[in-house]
């Protein structure tokens, strides 16, 4: 999972970075926003987002707020 892709900001992100970003967004309750220009990165982001929806975050901020 070390393939590096270029995103719109001009710096490289690995597939694992995109996966982790998707998972992080899901844990934070953010809307799903995969990259538009890179199909591989979008796929990794989607996988991470789906896993993040299934598994609870290490620190659940919603439970701490209540």
Protein backbone atom coordinates (compact mmCIF):
# COMPACT_ATOMS: atom_id res chain seq x y z
CA UNK A 1 0.00 0.00 0.00
CA UNK A 2 2.85 2.40 -0.69
CA UNK A 3 1.88 3.64 -4.15
CA UNK A 4 2.25 7.42 -4.16
CA UNK A 5 -0.31 9.52 -5.97
CA UNK A 6 -0.37 13.22 -6.72
CA UNK A 7 -3.25 15.23 -5.36
CA UNK A 8 -4.44 18.68 -6.39
CA UNK A 9 -2.18 20.38 -3.83
CA UNK A 10 0.95 19.13 -5.59
CA UNK A 11 2.41 16.84 -2.95
CA UNK A 12 2.35 13.07 -2.98
CA UNK A 13 0.10 10.98 -0.78
CA UNK A 14 0.33 7.22 -0.55
CA UNK A 15 -2.67 4.94 -0.89
CA UNK A 16 -2.44 4.38 2.86
CA UNK A 17 -2.64 8.16 3.43
CA UNK A 18 -5.87 8.35 1.41
CA UNK A 19 -7.26 5.30 3.24
CA UNK A 20 -6.49 6.88 6.62
CA UNK A 21 -7.94 10.23 5.55
CA UNK A 22 -11.21 8.54 4.56
CA UNK A 23 -11.35 6.69 7.85
CA UNK A 24 -10.60 9.86 9.79
CA UNK A 25 -13.34 11.77 7.97
CA UNK A 26 -15.87 9.05 8.78
CA UNK A 27 -14.88 9.04 12.45
CA UNK A 28 -15.22 12.83 12.58
CA UNK A 29 -18.67 12.72 10.97
CA UNK A 30 -17.44 14.66 7.94
CA UNK A 31 -19.14 14.27 4.56
CA UNK A 32 -17.47 11.89 2.12
CA UNK A 33 -15.21 13.89 -0.24
CA UNK A 34 -12.98 11.60 -2.31
CA UNK A 35 -10.44 13.19 -4.67
CA UNK A 36 -11.92 13.84 -8.10
CA UNK A 37 -8.78 13.62 -10.27
CA UNK A 38 -7.34 10.28 -9.14
CA UNK A 39 -9.43 7.10 -9.34
CA UNK A 40 -6.95 5.04 -7.29
CA UNK A 41 -6.84 7.63 -4.49
CA UNK A 42 -10.64 7.96 -4.57
CA UNK A 43 -10.97 4.20 -4.23
CA UNK A 44 -8.63 4.09 -1.23
CA UNK A 45 -10.48 7.03 0.37
CA UNK A 46 -13.83 5.25 -0.13
CA UNK A 47 -12.47 2.06 1.45
CA UNK A 48 -11.19 3.98 4.45
CA UNK A 49 -14.44 5.90 4.82
CA UNK A 50 -16.48 2.68 4.76
CA UNK A 51 -14.22 1.05 7.34
CA UNK A 52 -14.42 4.17 9.50
CA UNK A 53 -18.21 3.97 9.46
CA UNK A 54 -18.09 0.34 10.57
CA UNK A 55 -15.40 0.60 13.26
CA UNK A 56 -15.55 3.08 16.11
CA UNK A 57 -12.82 5.71 16.41
CA UNK A 58 -10.09 5.11 19.02
CA UNK A 59 -11.35 8.21 20.84
CA UNK A 60 -15.06 8.70 20.30
CA UNK A 61 -15.55 12.45 20.60
CA UNK A 62 -19.33 12.18 20.41
CA UNK A 63 -19.44 10.09 23.62
CA UNK A 64 -17.11 12.57 25.37
CA UNK A 65 -19.40 15.48 24.48
CA UNK A 66 -22.38 13.97 26.31
